[in-house]
Amino acid sequence: MIDRLLTYIRESRIELQKVTWLTRTEVVRYTAAVIVVSLAIALFLGGVDLVFSFILTHFFL
């Protein structure tokens, strides 16, 4: 059991060395892009919700 765990850990380390990691600049750029897109979608959905709430309260209720 321990032997299998150690083999798994060794193989995982070998595979992680093959990974092409992003640079710090790329990480910051992509993180900023995700935040901006998330905020844009949140604002859009909030606006749609506001419009539907207005329509429902003023015309149907």
C-alpha atoms as a PDB file:
ATOM      1  CA  MET A   1       0.000   0.000   0.000  1.00  0.00           C
ATOM      2  CA  ILE A   2       2.750   2.466   0.954  1.00  0.00           C
ATOM      3  CA  ASP A   3       4.759   1.388  -2.091  1.00  0.00           C
ATOM      4  CA  ARG A   4       1.856   2.261  -4.410  1.00  0.00           C
ATOM      5  CA  LEU A   5       1.477   5.655  -2.739  1.00  0.00           C
ATOM      6  CA  LEU A   6       5.176   6.440  -3.122  1.00  0.00           C
ATOM      7  CA  THR A   7       5.087   5.355  -6.774  1.00  0.00           C
ATOM      8  CA  TYR A   8       2.118   7.630  -7.370  1.00  0.00           C
ATOM      9  CA  ILE A   9       3.910  10.579  -5.750  1.00  0.00           C
ATOM     10  CA  ARG A  10       7.100   9.976  -7.766  1.00  0.00           C
ATOM     11  CA  GLU A  11       5.202   9.712 -11.036  1.00  0.00           C
ATOM     12  CA  SER A  12       3.178  12.808 -10.220  1.00  0.00           C
ATOM     13  CA  ARG A  13       6.361  14.811  -9.627  1.00  0.00           C
ATOM     14  CA  ILE A  14       7.788  13.617 -12.946  1.00  0.00           C
ATOM     15  CA  GLU A  15       4.608  14.652 -14.783  1.00  0.00           C
ATOM     16  CA  LEU A  16       4.543  18.052 -13.073  1.00  0.00           C
ATOM     17  CA  GLN A  17       8.070  18.724 -14.327  1.00  0.00           C
ATOM     18  CA  LYS A  18       6.791  18.297 -17.899  1.00  0.00           C
ATOM     19  CA  VAL A  19       4.121  20.978 -17.474  1.00  0.00           C
ATOM     20  CA  THR A  20       4.649  24.320 -19.183  1.00  0.00           C
ATOM     21  CA  TRP A  21       3.806  26.786 -16.447  1.00  0.00           C
ATOM     22  CA  LEU A  22       2.494  30.272 -17.151  1.00  0.00           C
ATOM     23  CA  THR A  23       4.658  33.288 -16.445  1.00  0.00           C
ATOM     24  CA  ARG A  24       3.654  35.715 -13.702  1.00  0.00           C
ATOM     25  CA  THR A  25       2.635  38.278 -16.339  1.00  0.00           C
ATOM     26  CA  GLU A  26       0.366  35.759 -18.067  1.00  0.00           C
ATOM     27  CA  VAL A  27      -1.243  34.754 -14.769  1.00  0.00           C
ATOM     28  CA  VAL A  28      -1.939  38.394 -13.881  1.00  0.00           C
ATOM     29  CA  ARG A  29      -3.300  39.142 -17.379  1.00  0.00           C
ATOM     30  CA  TYR A  30      -5.597  36.103 -17.460  1.00  0.00           C
ATOM     31  CA  THR A  31      -6.784  36.709 -13.900  1.00  0.00           C
ATOM     32  CA  ALA A  32      -7.667  40.298 -14.778  1.00  0.00           C
ATOM     33  CA  ALA A  33      -9.525  39.091 -17.876  1.00  0.00           C
ATOM     34  CA  VAL A  34     -11.565  36.636 -15.807  1.00  0.00           C
ATOM     35  CA  ILE A  35     -12.430  39.329 -13.264  1.00  0.00           C
ATOM     36  CA  VAL A  36     -13.465  41.830 -15.974  1.00  0.00           C
ATOM     37  CA  VAL A  37     -15.611  39.284 -17.831  1.00  0.00           C
ATOM     38  CA  SER A  38     -17.208  38.125 -14.565  1.00  0.00           C
ATOM     39  CA  LEU A  39     -18.075  41.707 -13.618  1.00  0.00           C
ATOM     40  CA  ALA A  40     -19.472  42.398 -17.093  1.00  0.00           C
ATOM     41  CA  ILE A  41     -21.700  39.330 -16.946  1.00  0.00           C
ATOM     42  CA  ALA A  42     -22.801  40.202 -13.399  1.00  0.00           C
ATOM     43  CA  LEU A  43     -23.731  43.736 -14.478  1.00  0.00           C
ATOM     44  CA  PHE A  44     -25.591  42.434 -17.517  1.00  0.00           C
ATOM     45  CA  LEU A  45     -27.564  39.872 -15.514  1.00  0.00           C
ATOM     46  CA  GLY A  46     -28.260  42.457 -12.816  1.00  0.00           C
ATOM     47  CA  GLY A  47     -29.588  44.821 -15.479  1.00  0.00           C
ATOM     48  CA  VAL A  48     -31.807  42.140 -16.980  1.00  0.00           C
ATOM     49  CA  ASP A  49     -33.107  41.289 -13.509  1.00  0.00           C
ATOM     50  CA  LEU A  50     -33.821  44.958 -12.820  1.00  0.00           C
ATOM     51  CA  VAL A  51     -35.743  45.338 -16.078  1.00  0.00           C
ATOM     52  CA  PHE A  52     -37.812  42.204 -15.482  1.00  0.00           C
ATOM     53  CA  SER A  53     -38.536  43.266 -11.893  1.00  0.00           C
ATOM     54  CA  PHE A  54     -39.693  46.670 -13.102  1.00  0.00           C
ATOM     55  CA  ILE A  55     -41.917  45.122 -15.771  1.00  0.00           C
ATOM     56  CA  LEU A  56     -43.447  42.611 -13.372  1.00  0.00           C
ATOM     57  CA  THR A  57     -44.142  45.098 -10.585  1.00  0.00           C
ATOM     58  CA  HIS A  58     -45.535  47.873 -12.775  1.00  0.00           C
ATOM     59  CA  PHE A  59     -47.488  45.969 -15.386  1.00  0.00           C
ATOM     60  CA  PHE A  60     -48.533  42.631 -13.906  1.00  0.00           C
ATOM     61  CA  LEU A  61     -48.845  43.095 -10.154  1.00  0.00           C
END
